[in-house]
Amino acid sequence: LRCMPACLEILEAGEESRVLVTLREGKFHQVKRMFAATGNEVLYLKRMAMGGVCLDETLKPGEYRPLTEEELRTLQESVRSEG
C-alpha cells in the first residue's frame, strides 16, 4: 500500500514507549503495519483529531455528538484543500 508520508514524535522511550504519529492519509491499519515493519507492536491506539477537528475528549468510547457548524466548515475546507 502506498500512502503519504507520516510524522513520528517520540514522547517517552522505554520498554513501552509513547509516540505521537501524524498522518495526512490513513490506510487500513496503517499505524499498526508501520510499527510491525520495524519489529514493534501497537498496544494502544487513540485518534486525537481528524481533518483539522480535535476529537471531543469528554465522549466515552462508542458515544458521539453532532458536529458544530464550525467543525463542519473545518472539515469541508480540509477536503477542498487536499483535492
PDB file of N, CA and C in Angstrom:
ATOM      1  N   LEU A   1       0.830  -1.186   0.000  1.00  0.00           N
ATOM      2  CA  LEU A   1       0.000   0.000   0.000  1.00  0.00           C
ATOM      3  C   LEU A   1       0.875   1.250   0.000  1.00  0.00           C
ATOM      4  N   ARG A   2       0.599   2.173  -0.871  1.00  0.00           N
ATOM      5  CA  ARG A   2       1.304   3.445  -0.927  1.00  0.00           C
ATOM      6  C   ARG A   2       0.438   4.514  -0.276  1.00  0.00           C
ATOM      7  N   CYS A   3       1.058   5.384   0.508  1.00  0.00           N
ATOM      8  CA  CYS A   3       0.331   6.481   1.126  1.00  0.00           C
ATOM      9  C   CYS A   3       1.285   7.648   1.369  1.00  0.00           C
ATOM     10  N   MET A   4       0.737   8.763   1.767  1.00  0.00           N
ATOM     11  CA  MET A   4       1.541   9.953   2.013  1.00  0.00           C
ATOM     12  C   MET A   4       2.418   9.741   3.245  1.00  0.00           C
ATOM     13  N   PRO A   5       3.549  10.477   3.345  1.00  0.00           N
ATOM     14  CA  PRO A   5       4.452  10.322   4.494  1.00  0.00           C
ATOM     15  C   PRO A   5       3.768  10.655   5.823  1.00  0.00           C
ATOM     16  N   ALA A   6       4.279  10.050   6.893  1.00  0.00           N
ATOM     17  CA  ALA A   6       3.782  10.283   8.245  1.00  0.00           C
ATOM     18  C   ALA A   6       4.882  10.940   9.067  1.00  0.00           C
ATOM     19  N   CYS A   7       4.505  11.522  10.192  1.00  0.00           N
ATOM     20  CA  CYS A   7       5.452  12.146  11.103  1.00  0.00           C
ATOM     21  C   CYS A   7       5.372  11.402  12.434  1.00  0.00           C
ATOM     22  N   LEU A   8       6.529  11.144  13.059  1.00  0.00           N
ATOM     23  CA  LEU A   8       6.588  10.419  14.322  1.00  0.00           C
ATOM     24  C   LEU A   8       7.318  11.268  15.352  1.00  0.00           C
ATOM     25  N   GLU A   9       6.687  11.475  16.500  1.00  0.00           N
ATOM     26  CA  GLU A   9       7.306  12.199  17.613  1.00  0.00           C
ATOM     27  C   GLU A   9       7.339  11.258  18.808  1.00  0.00           C
ATOM     28  N   ILE A  10       8.537  11.003  19.343  1.00  0.00           N
ATOM     29  CA  ILE A  10       8.679  10.113  20.496  1.00  0.00           C
ATOM     30  C   ILE A  10       8.425  10.923  21.761  1.00  0.00           C
ATOM     31  N   LEU A  11       7.386  10.551  22.507  1.00  0.00           N
ATOM     32  CA  LEU A  11       7.019  11.244  23.739  1.00  0.00           C
ATOM     33  C   LEU A  11       7.716  10.631  24.945  1.00  0.00           C
ATOM     34  N   GLU A  12       7.811   9.302  24.984  1.00  0.00           N
ATOM     35  CA  GLU A  12       8.505   8.561  26.045  1.00  0.00           C
ATOM     36  C   GLU A  12       9.142   7.337  25.406  1.00  0.00           C
ATOM     37  N   ALA A  13      10.425   7.118  25.661  1.00  0.00           N
ATOM     38  CA  ALA A  13      11.114   5.941  25.130  1.00  0.00           C
ATOM     39  C   ALA A  13      11.375   4.966  26.267  1.00  0.00           C
ATOM     40  N   GLY A  14      11.200   3.696  25.997  1.00  0.00           N
ATOM     41  CA  GLY A  14      11.430   2.672  27.007  1.00  0.00           C
ATOM     42  C   GLY A  14      10.874   1.343  26.557  1.00  0.00           C
ATOM     43  N   GLU A  15      10.669   0.444  27.524  1.00  0.00           N
ATOM     44  CA  GLU A  15      10.115  -0.873  27.217  1.00  0.00           C
ATOM     45  C   GLU A  15       8.767  -0.736  26.503  1.00  0.00           C
ATOM     46  N   GLU A  16       7.930   0.157  27.004  1.00  0.00           N
ATOM     47  CA  GLU A  16       6.670   0.508  26.335  1.00  0.00           C
ATOM     48  C   GLU A  16       6.705   2.009  26.080  1.00  0.00           C
ATOM     49  N   SER A  17       7.065   2.390  24.874  1.00  0.00           N
ATOM     50  CA  SER A  17       7.220   3.802  24.515  1.00  0.00           C
ATOM     51  C   SER A  17       5.879   4.424  24.167  1.00  0.00           C
ATOM     52  N   ARG A  18       5.829   5.750  24.252  1.00  0.00           N
ATOM     53  CA  ARG A  18       4.650   6.517  23.814  1.00  0.00           C
ATOM     54  C   ARG A  18       5.093   7.418  22.678  1.00  0.00           C
ATOM     55  N   VAL A  19       4.337   7.412  21.596  1.00  0.00           N
ATOM     56  CA  VAL A  19       4.680   8.232  20.436  1.00  0.00           C
ATOM     57  C   VAL A  19       3.438   8.942  19.917  1.00  0.00           C
ATOM     58  N   LEU A  20       3.660  10.018  19.193  1.00  0.00           N
ATOM     59  CA  LEU A  20       2.586  10.735  18.512  1.00  0.00           C
ATOM     60  C   LEU A  20       2.839  10.578  17.021  1.00  0.00           C
ATOM     61  N   VAL A  21       1.894   9.964  16.325  1.00  0.00           N
ATOM     62  CA  VAL A  21       2.006   9.742  14.882  1.00  0.00           C
ATOM     63  C   VAL A  21       1.015  10.669  14.196  1.00  0.00           C
ATOM     64  N   THR A  22       1.505  11.440  13.237  1.00  0.00           N
ATOM     65  CA  THR A  22       0.641  12.345  12.475  1.00  0.00           C
ATOM     66  C   THR A  22       0.571  11.848  11.035  1.00  0.00           C
ATOM     67  N   LEU A  23      -0.639  11.529  10.590  1.00  0.00           N
ATOM     68  CA  LEU A  23      -0.871  11.053   9.226  1.00  0.00           C
ATOM     69  C   LEU A  23      -1.660  12.093   8.455  1.00  0.00           C
ATOM     70  N   ARG A  24      -1.383  12.208   7.172  1.00  0.00           N
ATOM     71  CA  ARG A  24      -2.211  13.045   6.312  1.00  0.00           C
ATOM     72  C   ARG A  24      -3.211  12.195   5.562  1.00  0.00           C
ATOM     73  N   GLU A  25      -2.928  10.904   5.503  1.00  0.00           N
ATOM     74  CA  GLU A  25      -3.789   9.965   4.795  1.00  0.00           C
ATOM     75  C   GLU A  25      -3.637   8.621   5.491  1.00  0.00           C
ATOM     76  N   GLY A  26      -4.725   8.036   5.941  1.00  0.00           N
ATOM     77  CA  GLY A  26      -4.638   6.767   6.649  1.00  0.00           C
ATOM     78  C   GLY A  26      -5.204   5.632   5.833  1.00  0.00           C
ATOM     79  N   LYS A  27      -4.448   4.572   5.722  1.00  0.00           N
ATOM     80  CA  LYS A  27      -4.910   3.359   5.049  1.00  0.00           C
ATOM     81  C   LYS A  27      -5.255   2.322   6.116  1.00  0.00           C
ATOM     82  N   PHE A  28      -5.820   1.224   5.718  1.00  0.00           N
ATOM     83  CA  PHE A  28      -6.264   0.147   6.611  1.00  0.00           C
ATOM     84  C   PHE A  28      -5.138  -0.284   7.560  1.00  0.00           C
ATOM     85  N   HIS A  29      -5.309  -0.058   8.857  1.00  0.00           N
ATOM     86  CA  HIS A  29      -4.345  -0.441   9.898  1.00  0.00           C
ATOM     87  C   HIS A  29      -2.942   0.085   9.624  1.00  0.00           C
ATOM     88  N   GLN A  30      -2.820   1.253   9.017  1.00  0.00           N
ATOM     89  CA  GLN A  30      -1.525   1.787   8.611  1.00  0.00           C
ATOM     90  C   GLN A  30      -0.542   1.905   9.768  1.00  0.00           C
ATOM     91  N   VAL A  31      -0.971   2.460  10.890  1.00  0.00           N
ATOM     92  CA  VAL A  31      -0.061   2.666  12.014  1.00  0.00           C
ATOM     93  C   VAL A  31       0.451   1.318  12.522  1.00  0.00           C
ATOM     94  N   LYS A  32      -0.437   0.357  12.682  1.00  0.00           N
ATOM     95  CA  LYS A  32      -0.025  -0.970  13.146  1.00  0.00           C
ATOM     96  C   LYS A  32       0.949  -1.614  12.169  1.00  0.00           C
ATOM     97  N   ARG A  33       0.714  -1.448  10.888  1.00  0.00           N
ATOM     98  CA  ARG A  33       1.603  -2.018   9.871  1.00  0.00           C
ATOM     99  C   ARG A  33       2.975  -1.341   9.888  1.00  0.00           C
ATOM    100  N   MET A  34       3.004  -0.019  10.081  1.00  0.00           N
ATOM    101  CA  MET A  34       4.282   0.708  10.121  1.00  0.00           C
ATOM    102  C   MET A  34       5.128   0.222  11.293  1.00  0.00           C
ATOM    103  N   PHE A  35       4.517   0.065  12.461  1.00  0.00           N
ATOM    104  CA  PHE A  35       5.259  -0.394  13.627  1.00  0.00           C
ATOM    105  C   PHE A  35       5.682  -1.853  13.484  1.00  0.00           C
ATOM    106  N   ALA A  36       4.811  -2.691  12.932  1.00  0.00           N
ATOM    107  CA  ALA A  36       5.154  -4.098  12.724  1.00  0.00           C
ATOM    108  C   ALA A  36       6.351  -4.230  11.783  1.00  0.00           C
ATOM    109  N   ALA A  37       6.452  -3.341  10.788  1.00  0.00           N
ATOM    110  CA  ALA A  37       7.564  -3.377   9.836  1.00  0.00           C
ATOM    111  C   ALA A  37       8.908  -3.114  10.512  1.00  0.00           C
ATOM    112  N   THR A  38       8.889  -2.471  11.680  1.00  0.00           N
ATOM    113  CA  THR A  38      10.127  -2.196  12.418  1.00  0.00           C
ATOM    114  C   THR A  38      10.289  -3.137  13.612  1.00  0.00           C
ATOM    115  N   GLY A  39       9.464  -4.189  13.664  1.00  0.00           N
ATOM    116  CA  GLY A  39       9.565  -5.171  14.733  1.00  0.00           C
ATOM    117  C   GLY A  39       8.915  -4.734  16.036  1.00  0.00           C
ATOM    118  N   ASN A  40       8.016  -3.773  15.967  1.00  0.00           N
ATOM    119  CA  ASN A  40       7.323  -3.279  17.161  1.00  0.00           C
ATOM    120  C   ASN A  40       5.841  -3.597  17.077  1.00  0.00           C
ATOM    121  N   GLU A  41       5.166  -3.519  18.216  1.00  0.00           N
ATOM    122  CA  GLU A  41       3.738  -3.821  18.290  1.00  0.00           C
ATOM    123  C   GLU A  41       2.991  -2.633  18.893  1.00  0.00           C
ATOM    124  N   VAL A  42       1.842  -2.322  18.334  1.00  0.00           N
ATOM    125  CA  VAL A  42       0.983  -1.264  18.872  1.00  0.00           C
ATOM    126  C   VAL A  42       0.089  -1.893  19.933  1.00  0.00           C
ATOM    127  N   LEU A  43       0.211  -1.400  21.174  1.00  0.00           N
ATOM    128  CA  LEU A  43      -0.599  -1.926  22.266  1.00  0.00           C
ATOM    129  C   LEU A  43      -1.856  -1.093  22.494  1.00  0.00           C
ATOM    130  N   TYR A  44      -1.792   0.194  22.151  1.00  0.00           N
ATOM    131  CA  TYR A  44      -2.923   1.100  22.367  1.00  0.00           C
ATOM    132  C   TYR A  44      -2.853   2.175  21.292  1.00  0.00           C
ATOM    133  N   LEU A  45      -3.989   2.485  20.702  1.00  0.00           N
ATOM    134  CA  LEU A  45      -4.044   3.469  19.628  1.00  0.00           C
ATOM    135  C   LEU A  45      -5.241   4.368  19.862  1.00  0.00           C
ATOM    136  N   LYS A  46      -5.017   5.676  19.839  1.00  0.00           N
ATOM    137  CA  LYS A  46      -6.101   6.630  20.080  1.00  0.00           C
ATOM    138  C   LYS A  46      -6.047   7.736  19.025  1.00  0.00           C
ATOM    139  N   ARG A  47      -7.157   7.946  18.334  1.00  0.00           N
ATOM    140  CA  ARG A  47      -7.255   9.044  17.369  1.00  0.00           C
ATOM    141  C   ARG A  47      -7.464  10.332  18.149  1.00  0.00           C
ATOM    142  N   MET A  48      -6.666  11.355  17.836  1.00  0.00           N
ATOM    143  CA  MET A  48      -6.732  12.630  18.543  1.00  0.00           C
ATOM    144  C   MET A  48      -7.498  13.693  17.745  1.00  0.00           C
ATOM    145  N   ALA A  49      -7.379  13.634  16.429  1.00  0.00           N
ATOM    146  CA  ALA A  49      -8.018  14.628  15.572  1.00  0.00           C
ATOM    147  C   ALA A  49      -8.214  14.023  14.193  1.00  0.00           C
ATOM    148  N   MET A  50      -9.095  14.652  13.431  1.00  0.00           N
ATOM    149  CA  MET A  50      -9.329  14.205  12.064  1.00  0.00           C
ATOM    150  C   MET A  50      -9.711  15.409  11.221  1.00  0.00           C
ATOM    151  N   GLY A  51      -8.975  15.618  10.134  1.00  0.00           N
ATOM    152  CA  GLY A  51      -9.282  16.706   9.219  1.00  0.00           C
ATOM    153  C   GLY A  51      -9.278  18.079   9.866  1.00  0.00           C
ATOM    154  N   GLY A  52      -8.395  18.302  10.837  1.00  0.00           N
ATOM    155  CA  GLY A  52      -8.320  19.608  11.487  1.00  0.00           C
ATOM    156  C   GLY A  52      -9.276  19.791  12.645  1.00  0.00           C
ATOM    157  N   VAL A  53     -10.081  18.778  12.941  1.00  0.00           N
ATOM    158  CA  VAL A  53     -11.028  18.845  14.056  1.00  0.00           C
ATOM    159  C   VAL A  53     -10.513  17.956  15.183  1.00  0.00           C
ATOM    160  N   CYS A  54     -10.242  18.558  16.345  1.00  0.00           N
ATOM    161  CA  CYS A  54      -9.824  17.782  17.516  1.00  0.00           C
ATOM    162  C   CYS A  54     -11.037  17.034  18.043  1.00  0.00           C
ATOM    163  N   LEU A  55     -10.835  15.785  18.371  1.00  0.00           N
ATOM    164  CA  LEU A  55     -11.951  14.975  18.836  1.00  0.00           C
ATOM    165  C   LEU A  55     -12.300  15.320  20.281  1.00  0.00           C
ATOM    166  N   ASP A  56     -13.559  15.210  20.602  1.00  0.00           N
ATOM    167  CA  ASP A  56     -14.110  15.584  21.906  1.00  0.00           C
ATOM    168  C   ASP A  56     -13.703  14.561  22.961  1.00  0.00           C
ATOM    169  N   GLU A  57     -12.824  14.961  23.877  1.00  0.00           N
ATOM    170  CA  GLU A  57     -12.319  14.034  24.897  1.00  0.00           C
ATOM    171  C   GLU A  57     -13.344  13.718  25.983  1.00  0.00           C
ATOM    172  N   THR A  58     -14.462  14.450  26.019  1.00  0.00           N
ATOM    173  CA  THR A  58     -15.479  14.170  27.042  1.00  0.00           C
ATOM    174  C   THR A  58     -16.359  12.987  26.657  1.00  0.00           C
ATOM    175  N   LEU A  59     -16.290  12.565  25.385  1.00  0.00           N
ATOM    176  CA  LEU A  59     -17.103  11.437  24.933  1.00  0.00           C
ATOM    177  C   LEU A  59     -16.467  10.119  25.345  1.00  0.00           C
ATOM    178  N   LYS A  60     -17.289   9.189  25.800  1.00  0.00           N
ATOM    179  CA  LYS A  60     -16.830   7.852  26.152  1.00  0.00           C
ATOM    180  C   LYS A  60     -16.768   7.010  24.880  1.00  0.00           C
ATOM    181  N   PRO A  61     -16.013   5.902  24.896  1.00  0.00           N
ATOM    182  CA  PRO A  61     -15.977   5.032  23.716  1.00  0.00           C
ATOM    183  C   PRO A  61     -17.379   4.648  23.262  1.00  0.00           C
ATOM    184  N   GLY A  62     -17.644   4.788  21.970  1.00  0.00           N
ATOM    185  CA  GLY A  62     -18.948   4.457  21.406  1.00  0.00           C
ATOM    186  C   GLY A  62     -19.932   5.609  21.397  1.00  0.00           C
ATOM    187  N   GLU A  63     -19.659   6.678  22.160  1.00  0.00           N
ATOM    188  CA  GLU A  63     -20.553   7.842  22.172  1.00  0.00           C
ATOM    189  C   GLU A  63     -20.227   8.752  20.988  1.00  0.00           C
ATOM    190  N   TYR A  64     -21.182   9.577  20.630  1.00  0.00           N
ATOM    191  CA  TYR A  64     -20.975  10.552  19.562  1.00  0.00           C
ATOM    192  C   TYR A  64     -21.863  11.762  19.814  1.00  0.00           C
ATOM    193  N   ARG A  65     -21.591  12.817  19.078  1.00  0.00           N
ATOM    194  CA  ARG A  65     -22.411  14.015  19.140  1.00  0.00           C
ATOM    195  C   ARG A  65     -22.405  14.650  17.753  1.00  0.00           C
ATOM    196  N   PRO A  66     -23.389  15.480  17.459  1.00  0.00           N
ATOM    197  CA  PRO A  66     -23.383  16.165  16.157  1.00  0.00           C
ATOM    198  C   PRO A  66     -22.202  17.130  16.076  1.00  0.00           C
ATOM    199  N   LEU A  67     -21.687  17.319  14.870  1.00  0.00           N
ATOM    200  CA  LEU A  67     -20.628  18.301  14.659  1.00  0.00           C
ATOM    201  C   LEU A  67     -21.209  19.703  14.745  1.00  0.00           C
ATOM    202  N   THR A  68     -20.397  20.636  15.228  1.00  0.00           N
ATOM    203  CA  THR A  68     -20.820  22.039  15.241  1.00  0.00           C
ATOM    204  C   THR A  68     -20.691  22.590  13.823  1.00  0.00           C
ATOM    205  N   GLU A  69     -21.287  23.727  13.582  1.00  0.00           N
ATOM    206  CA  GLU A  69     -21.163  24.377  12.271  1.00  0.00           C
ATOM    207  C   GLU A  69     -19.699  24.665  11.952  1.00  0.00           C
ATOM    208  N   GLU A  70     -18.944  25.116  12.951  1.00  0.00           N
ATOM    209  CA  GLU A  70     -17.520  25.419  12.746  1.00  0.00           C
ATOM    210  C   GLU A  70     -16.730  24.150  12.391  1.00  0.00           C
ATOM    211  N   GLU A  71     -17.023  23.031  13.068  1.00  0.00           N
ATOM    212  CA  GLU A  71     -16.344  21.772  12.761  1.00  0.00           C
ATOM    213  C   GLU A  71     -16.666  21.314  11.344  1.00  0.00           C
ATOM    214  N   LEU A  72     -17.917  21.459  10.926  1.00  0.00           N
ATOM    215  CA  LEU A  72     -18.305  21.101   9.555  1.00  0.00           C
ATOM    216  C   LEU A  72     -17.540  21.937   8.535  1.00  0.00           C
ATOM    217  N   ARG A  73     -17.438  23.251   8.786  1.00  0.00           N
ATOM    218  CA  ARG A  73     -16.679  24.133   7.879  1.00  0.00           C
ATOM    219  C   ARG A  73     -15.207  23.713   7.814  1.00  0.00           C
ATOM    220  N   THR A  74     -14.619  23.406   8.966  1.00  0.00           N
ATOM    221  CA  THR A  74     -13.215  22.993   9.020  1.00  0.00           C
ATOM    222  C   THR A  74     -12.989  21.730   8.190  1.00  0.00           C
ATOM    223  N   LEU A  75     -13.888  20.743   8.337  1.00  0.00           N
ATOM    224  CA  LEU A  75     -13.759  19.506   7.561  1.00  0.00           C
ATOM    225  C   LEU A  75     -13.947  19.747   6.076  1.00  0.00           C
ATOM    226  N   GLN A  76     -14.913  20.579   5.710  1.00  0.00           N
ATOM    227  CA  GLN A  76     -15.150  20.890   4.304  1.00  0.00           C
ATOM    228  C   GLN A  76     -13.938  21.597   3.695  1.00  0.00           C
ATOM    229  N   GLU A  77     -13.323  22.507   4.453  1.00  0.00           N
ATOM    230  CA  GLU A  77     -12.143  23.216   3.967  1.00  0.00           C
ATOM    231  C   GLU A  77     -10.955  22.270   3.807  1.00  0.00           C
ATOM    232  N   SER A  78     -10.802  21.325   4.726  1.00  0.00           N
ATOM    233  CA  SER A  78      -9.682  20.391   4.630  1.00  0.00           C
ATOM    234  C   SER A  78      -9.840  19.471   3.409  1.00  0.00           C
ATOM    235  N   VAL A  79     -11.066  19.094   3.086  1.00  0.00           N
ATOM    236  CA  VAL A  79     -11.323  18.269   1.908  1.00  0.00           C
ATOM    237  C   VAL A  79     -11.017  19.057   0.634  1.00  0.00           C
ATOM    238  N   ARG A  80     -11.436  20.318   0.596  1.00  0.00           N
ATOM    239  CA  ARG A  80     -11.179  21.162  -0.581  1.00  0.00           C
ATOM    240  C   ARG A  80      -9.685  21.394  -0.788  1.00  0.00           C
ATOM    241  N   SER A  81      -8.939  21.610   0.297  1.00  0.00           N
ATOM    242  CA  SER A  81      -7.509  21.902   0.168  1.00  0.00           C
ATOM    243  C   SER A  81      -6.706  20.689  -0.257  1.00  0.00           C
ATOM    244  N   GLU A  82      -7.206  19.471   0.014  1.00  0.00           N
ATOM    245  CA  GLU A  82      -6.498  18.260  -0.389  1.00  0.00           C
ATOM    246  C   GLU A  82      -6.875  17.833  -1.798  1.00  0.00           C
ATOM    247  N   GLY A  83      -7.992  18.301  -2.292  1.00  0.00           N
ATOM    248  CA  GLY A  83      -8.492  17.864  -3.600  1.00  0.00           C
ATOM    249  C   GLY A  83      -7.953  18.637  -4.693  1.00  0.00           C
TER     250      GLY A  83
END
